[in-house]
N, C-alpha and C. Protein backbone atom coordinates (compact mmCIF):
# COMPACT_ATOMS: atom_id res chain seq x y z
N GLN A 1 0.87 -1.10 -0.03
CA GLN A 1 0.10 0.06 -0.07
C GLN A 1 0.77 1.24 -0.03
N ALA A 2 0.43 2.19 -0.92
CA ALA A 2 1.30 3.55 -0.74
C ALA A 2 1.00 4.12 0.47
N PRO A 3 1.97 4.94 0.92
CA PRO A 3 1.85 5.55 2.33
C PRO A 3 0.64 6.35 2.35
N LEU A 4 0.37 7.27 1.22
CA LEU A 4 -0.74 8.03 1.11
C LEU A 4 -1.34 7.90 -0.25
N LEU A 5 -2.84 7.81 -0.35
CA LEU A 5 -3.43 7.49 -1.42
C LEU A 5 -4.69 8.32 -1.48
N GLU A 6 -4.55 9.31 -2.63
CA GLU A 6 -5.67 10.25 -2.77
C GLU A 6 -6.74 9.67 -3.65
N SER A 7 -7.95 10.10 -3.55
CA SER A 7 -9.02 9.71 -4.49
C SER A 7 -10.28 10.74 -4.33
N GLY A 8 -11.09 10.53 -5.42
CA GLY A 8 -12.17 11.52 -5.24
C GLY A 8 -12.18 12.72 -6.32
N GLY A 9 -11.08 12.79 -7.04
CA GLY A 9 -11.04 13.95 -7.95
C GLY A 9 -12.02 13.85 -9.05
N GLY A 10 -12.13 14.62 -9.92
CA GLY A 10 -13.01 14.67 -11.15
C GLY A 10 -13.43 16.09 -11.55
N TRP A 11 -14.46 16.05 -12.49
CA TRP A 11 -14.90 17.14 -13.15
C TRP A 11 -16.21 17.68 -12.36
N VAL A 12 -16.33 18.92 -12.14
CA VAL A 12 -17.64 19.37 -11.48
C VAL A 12 -17.86 20.88 -12.02
N GLN A 13 -19.14 21.05 -12.07
CA GLN A 13 -19.54 22.45 -12.68
C GLN A 13 -19.32 23.63 -11.45
N PRO A 14 -19.16 24.77 -11.80
CA PRO A 14 -19.09 25.77 -10.73
C PRO A 14 -20.13 25.77 -9.81
N GLY A 15 -19.93 25.90 -8.55
CA GLY A 15 -21.14 25.71 -7.52
C GLY A 15 -21.21 24.47 -7.18
N GLY A 16 -20.54 23.40 -7.70
CA GLY A 16 -20.80 22.00 -7.33
C GLY A 16 -19.84 21.60 -6.06
N SER A 17 -19.93 20.24 -5.72
CA SER A 17 -19.19 19.87 -4.52
C SER A 17 -18.31 18.61 -5.11
N LEU A 18 -17.36 18.34 -4.41
CA LEU A 18 -16.49 17.12 -4.34
C LEU A 18 -15.93 16.84 -3.09
N THR A 19 -15.70 15.57 -2.75
CA THR A 19 -15.00 15.16 -1.61
C THR A 19 -13.76 14.41 -1.88
N LEU A 20 -12.73 14.85 -1.53
CA LEU A 20 -11.41 14.03 -1.65
C LEU A 20 -11.04 13.08 -0.47
N SER A 21 -10.55 12.29 -0.61
CA SER A 21 -10.08 11.11 0.39
C SER A 21 -8.67 10.96 0.33
N CYS A 22 -7.96 10.92 1.43
CA CYS A 22 -6.51 10.49 1.52
C CYS A 22 -6.44 9.36 2.52
N ALA A 23 -6.22 8.27 1.97
CA ALA A 23 -6.09 6.95 2.82
C ALA A 23 -4.61 6.89 3.16
N ALA A 24 -4.30 6.49 4.47
CA ALA A 24 -2.94 6.37 4.97
C ALA A 24 -2.56 5.06 5.37
N SER A 25 -1.42 4.52 5.24
CA SER A 25 -1.01 3.21 5.63
C SER A 25 -0.77 3.36 7.20
N THR A 26 -0.47 2.20 7.80
CA THR A 26 -0.44 2.17 9.27
C THR A 26 0.82 2.83 9.92
N ILE A 27 1.57 3.42 9.08
CA ILE A 27 2.71 4.20 9.64
C ILE A 27 2.21 5.49 10.23
N PHE A 28 1.00 5.93 9.68
CA PHE A 28 0.57 7.15 10.36
C PHE A 28 -0.43 6.94 11.35
N ASP A 29 -0.42 7.68 12.39
CA ASP A 29 -1.31 7.36 13.54
C ASP A 29 -1.55 8.72 14.06
N PHE A 30 -2.80 9.28 14.17
CA PHE A 30 -3.14 10.67 14.63
C PHE A 30 -2.02 11.69 14.10
N ASP A 31 -1.78 11.74 12.85
CA ASP A 31 -0.84 12.43 12.35
C ASP A 31 -1.41 13.85 11.91
N THR A 32 -0.59 14.91 11.83
CA THR A 32 -1.15 16.17 11.04
C THR A 32 -1.09 15.86 9.64
N ARG A 33 -2.31 16.07 9.06
CA ARG A 33 -2.18 15.79 7.47
C ARG A 33 -2.58 17.09 6.87
N ASN A 34 -2.12 17.17 5.76
CA ASN A 34 -2.30 18.43 4.86
C ASN A 34 -2.76 18.15 3.57
N TRP A 35 -3.75 19.17 2.95
CA TRP A 35 -4.03 18.96 1.54
C TRP A 35 -3.35 20.22 0.88
N TYR A 36 -2.70 19.89 -0.04
CA TYR A 36 -2.08 21.13 -1.10
C TYR A 36 -2.76 20.87 -2.27
N ARG A 37 -2.51 22.05 -3.11
CA ARG A 37 -2.98 22.07 -4.45
C ARG A 37 -2.11 22.78 -5.31
N ARG A 38 -1.81 22.48 -6.64
CA ARG A 38 -1.09 23.11 -7.52
C ARG A 38 -1.97 23.25 -8.87
N ALA A 39 -2.16 24.56 -9.20
CA ALA A 39 -2.80 24.92 -10.33
C ALA A 39 -1.92 25.06 -11.37
N PRO A 40 -2.30 25.01 -12.72
CA PRO A 40 -1.35 25.22 -13.77
C PRO A 40 -0.88 26.54 -13.72
N GLY A 41 0.54 26.70 -13.74
CA GLY A 41 1.20 28.01 -13.67
C GLY A 41 1.22 28.75 -12.42
N LYS A 42 0.77 28.07 -11.48
CA LYS A 42 0.97 28.70 -10.04
C LYS A 42 1.59 27.94 -9.15
N GLN A 43 2.07 28.47 -8.05
CA GLN A 43 2.85 27.86 -7.03
C GLN A 43 1.83 26.96 -6.16
N ARG A 44 2.50 25.94 -5.59
CA ARG A 44 1.74 25.03 -4.67
C ARG A 44 1.17 25.81 -3.55
N GLU A 45 -0.07 25.48 -3.08
CA GLU A 45 -0.72 26.15 -2.09
C GLU A 45 -1.19 25.28 -1.00
N LEU A 46 -0.94 25.63 0.31
CA LEU A 46 -1.56 24.73 1.32
C LEU A 46 -2.91 25.13 1.40
N VAL A 47 -3.83 24.06 1.27
CA VAL A 47 -5.20 24.44 1.34
C VAL A 47 -5.92 24.19 2.80
N ALA A 48 -5.70 23.15 3.25
CA ALA A 48 -6.26 22.65 4.71
C ALA A 48 -5.27 21.74 5.34
N THR A 49 -5.36 21.78 6.71
CA THR A 49 -4.48 20.98 7.64
C THR A 49 -5.52 20.72 8.71
N ILE A 50 -5.30 19.29 9.04
CA ILE A 50 -6.08 18.77 10.34
C ILE A 50 -4.95 18.29 11.20
N PHE A 51 -4.77 18.77 12.35
CA PHE A 51 -3.73 18.42 13.30
C PHE A 51 -4.07 17.25 14.10
N SER A 52 -3.12 16.66 14.90
CA SER A 52 -3.42 15.31 15.56
C SER A 52 -4.54 15.59 16.60
N ASN A 53 -4.65 16.90 17.14
CA ASN A 53 -5.70 17.07 18.18
C ASN A 53 -7.01 17.39 17.51
N GLY A 54 -7.10 17.31 16.11
CA GLY A 54 -8.49 17.71 15.54
C GLY A 54 -8.61 19.06 15.17
N SER A 55 -7.95 19.91 15.43
CA SER A 55 -7.97 21.32 15.05
C SER A 55 -7.67 21.38 13.76
N THR A 56 -8.20 22.50 13.05
CA THR A 56 -8.03 22.47 11.61
C THR A 56 -7.62 24.04 11.23
N HIS A 57 -6.98 24.11 10.00
CA HIS A 57 -6.55 25.44 9.39
C HIS A 57 -6.82 25.37 8.06
N TYR A 58 -7.34 26.51 7.50
CA TYR A 58 -7.68 26.59 6.07
C TYR A 58 -6.93 27.82 5.44
N ALA A 59 -6.76 27.88 4.21
CA ALA A 59 -6.27 28.87 3.53
C ALA A 59 -7.57 29.92 3.28
N ASP A 60 -7.14 31.20 3.20
CA ASP A 60 -8.14 32.21 3.09
C ASP A 60 -9.06 31.96 1.87
N SER A 61 -8.44 31.57 0.90
CA SER A 61 -9.11 31.24 -0.38
C SER A 61 -10.30 30.18 -0.32
N VAL A 62 -10.18 29.26 0.63
CA VAL A 62 -11.26 28.17 0.67
C VAL A 62 -11.87 28.34 2.05
N LYS A 63 -11.68 29.16 2.92
CA LYS A 63 -12.42 29.30 4.18
C LYS A 63 -13.94 29.34 3.90
N GLY A 64 -14.78 28.53 4.74
CA GLY A 64 -16.15 28.57 4.56
C GLY A 64 -16.62 27.74 3.36
N ARG A 65 -15.82 27.23 2.66
CA ARG A 65 -16.22 26.50 1.42
C ARG A 65 -15.57 24.96 1.58
N PHE A 66 -14.48 24.79 2.09
CA PHE A 66 -13.83 23.60 2.20
C PHE A 66 -13.66 23.11 3.71
N PHE A 67 -13.84 21.95 4.03
CA PHE A 67 -14.00 21.36 5.34
C PHE A 67 -13.10 20.06 5.18
N ILE A 68 -12.24 19.94 6.36
CA ILE A 68 -11.36 18.77 6.44
C ILE A 68 -11.74 18.02 7.68
N ASN A 69 -11.81 16.73 7.67
CA ASN A 69 -12.06 15.97 8.72
C ASN A 69 -11.43 14.52 8.59
N ARG A 70 -11.40 13.78 9.68
CA ARG A 70 -10.67 12.41 9.50
C ARG A 70 -11.56 11.30 10.28
N ASP A 71 -11.36 10.21 9.72
CA ASP A 71 -11.73 8.92 10.33
C ASP A 71 -10.61 8.34 10.77
N HIS A 72 -10.47 8.31 12.14
CA HIS A 72 -9.17 7.76 12.81
C HIS A 72 -9.11 6.18 12.52
N VAL A 73 -10.16 5.61 12.56
CA VAL A 73 -10.06 4.05 12.43
C VAL A 73 -9.58 3.73 11.10
N ALA A 74 -10.13 4.42 10.09
CA ALA A 74 -9.65 4.05 8.64
C ALA A 74 -8.50 4.86 8.30
N ARG A 75 -7.93 5.79 9.35
CA ARG A 75 -6.53 6.60 8.94
C ARG A 75 -6.77 7.36 7.68
N THR A 76 -8.12 7.73 7.44
CA THR A 76 -8.34 8.67 6.13
C THR A 76 -8.85 9.92 6.49
N VAL A 77 -8.36 10.98 5.85
CA VAL A 77 -8.73 12.18 5.89
C VAL A 77 -9.47 12.71 4.68
N PHE A 78 -10.42 13.45 4.88
CA PHE A 78 -11.41 13.85 3.83
C PHE A 78 -11.29 15.42 3.62
N LEU A 79 -11.55 15.85 2.51
CA LEU A 79 -11.59 17.33 2.22
C LEU A 79 -12.92 17.51 1.49
N GLN A 80 -13.85 17.96 2.03
CA GLN A 80 -15.20 18.29 1.53
C GLN A 80 -14.98 19.71 0.96
N MET A 81 -15.50 19.82 -0.31
CA MET A 81 -15.17 20.98 -1.26
C MET A 81 -16.50 21.41 -1.66
N ASN A 82 -17.01 22.55 -1.26
CA ASN A 82 -18.32 23.05 -1.59
C ASN A 82 -18.07 24.38 -2.45
N SER A 83 -19.12 24.72 -3.10
CA SER A 83 -19.19 25.94 -3.82
C SER A 83 -17.92 26.10 -4.77
N LEU A 84 -17.64 25.08 -5.37
CA LEU A 84 -16.34 25.17 -6.22
C LEU A 84 -16.35 26.14 -7.31
N LYS A 85 -15.21 26.63 -7.40
CA LYS A 85 -15.00 27.93 -8.45
C LYS A 85 -13.86 27.33 -9.52
N PRO A 86 -13.98 27.80 -10.72
CA PRO A 86 -12.95 27.63 -11.66
C PRO A 86 -11.45 27.62 -11.19
N ASP A 87 -11.32 28.70 -10.23
CA ASP A 87 -9.97 28.89 -9.67
C ASP A 87 -9.57 27.70 -8.73
N ASP A 88 -10.50 26.86 -8.34
CA ASP A 88 -10.16 25.67 -7.58
C ASP A 88 -9.50 24.49 -8.29
N THR A 89 -9.64 24.64 -9.62
CA THR A 89 -9.09 23.74 -10.66
C THR A 89 -7.62 23.59 -10.35
N ALA A 90 -7.01 22.36 -10.06
CA ALA A 90 -5.82 21.97 -9.55
C ALA A 90 -5.70 20.55 -9.43
N SER A 91 -4.31 20.16 -9.24
CA SER A 91 -3.99 18.89 -8.70
C SER A 91 -3.91 19.00 -7.27
N TYR A 92 -4.59 18.11 -6.43
CA TYR A 92 -4.62 18.09 -5.06
C TYR A 92 -3.82 17.02 -4.47
N TYR A 93 -2.88 17.39 -3.52
CA TYR A 93 -2.04 16.24 -2.90
C TYR A 93 -2.26 16.37 -1.41
N CYS A 94 -2.23 15.08 -0.93
CA CYS A 94 -2.22 14.87 0.53
C CYS A 94 -0.75 14.69 0.96
N ASN A 95 -0.54 15.35 2.14
CA ASN A 95 0.86 15.40 2.63
C ASN A 95 0.70 14.96 4.08
N SER A 96 1.79 14.34 4.58
CA SER A 96 2.05 14.00 5.97
C SER A 96 3.49 13.71 6.35
N GLU A 97 3.62 13.62 7.73
CA GLU A 97 5.11 13.17 7.97
C GLU A 97 4.92 11.89 9.26
N ALA A 98 5.85 11.20 8.88
CA ALA A 98 5.91 10.04 9.86
C ALA A 98 7.40 9.48 10.08
N HIS A 99 7.68 9.52 11.37
CA HIS A 99 9.00 9.17 11.92
C HIS A 99 10.06 10.05 11.18
N GLY A 100 9.78 11.28 11.04
CA GLY A 100 10.71 12.18 10.35
C GLY A 100 10.78 12.23 9.03
N ILE A 101 10.00 11.56 8.19
CA ILE A 101 10.02 11.46 6.85
C ILE A 101 8.64 12.02 6.22
N GLU A 102 8.86 12.91 5.27
CA GLU A 102 7.76 13.58 4.69
C GLU A 102 7.24 12.61 3.47
N TYR A 103 5.92 12.65 3.50
CA TYR A 103 5.32 11.70 2.36
C TYR A 103 4.37 12.58 1.58
N TRP A 104 4.15 12.33 0.26
CA TRP A 104 3.23 12.87 -0.64
C TRP A 104 2.47 11.71 -1.33
N GLY A 105 1.23 11.99 -1.50
CA GLY A 105 0.43 11.16 -2.45
C GLY A 105 0.69 11.44 -3.80
N GLN A 106 0.06 10.70 -4.71
CA GLN A 106 0.24 10.96 -6.10
C GLN A 106 -0.49 12.00 -6.81
N GLY A 107 -1.50 12.41 -6.02
CA GLY A 107 -2.30 13.50 -6.44
C GLY A 107 -3.64 13.11 -7.09
N THR A 108 -4.55 13.99 -7.00
CA THR A 108 -5.84 13.68 -7.84
C THR A 108 -6.35 14.97 -8.15
N GLU A 109 -6.76 14.84 -9.65
CA GLU A 109 -7.02 16.10 -10.27
C GLU A 109 -8.48 16.62 -10.23
N VAL A 110 -8.73 17.88 -9.95
CA VAL A 110 -9.95 18.49 -9.71
C VAL A 110 -10.06 19.39 -10.91
N THR A 111 -11.24 19.47 -11.65
CA THR A 111 -11.50 20.39 -12.62
C THR A 111 -12.89 20.97 -12.49
N VAL A 112 -12.95 22.38 -12.41
CA VAL A 112 -14.13 23.01 -12.15
C VAL A 112 -14.40 23.88 -13.46
N SER A 113 -15.37 23.52 -14.27
CA SER A 113 -15.72 24.32 -15.38
C SER A 113 -17.10 24.06 -15.79
N SER A 114 -17.51 24.89 -16.56
CA SER A 114 -18.96 24.69 -17.17
C SER A 114 -18.70 24.11 -18.67
């Protein structure tokens, strides 16, 4: 199993919703997990973080529209994305650290267009 595996990307019309999932292997336990995105021609952006204590942080660009949560038993973190805009089009990556090593998922594509 890959350390981090994203799923749930796809195409959606503006105003629509998608939920991304980041499943983690057993090396991760109550970790701090991040969702990043990289849009074509733009720098990578930290979108959302869920800390080991359950607290969360969001980029200003997604506050009030995106919500991050986790299923501890499944070691899976979800990114619920609502009111999607064309500017949300990007490759979305899950990121975490375990035992001093940083891990990235392979990414999942999100396209928002009409």
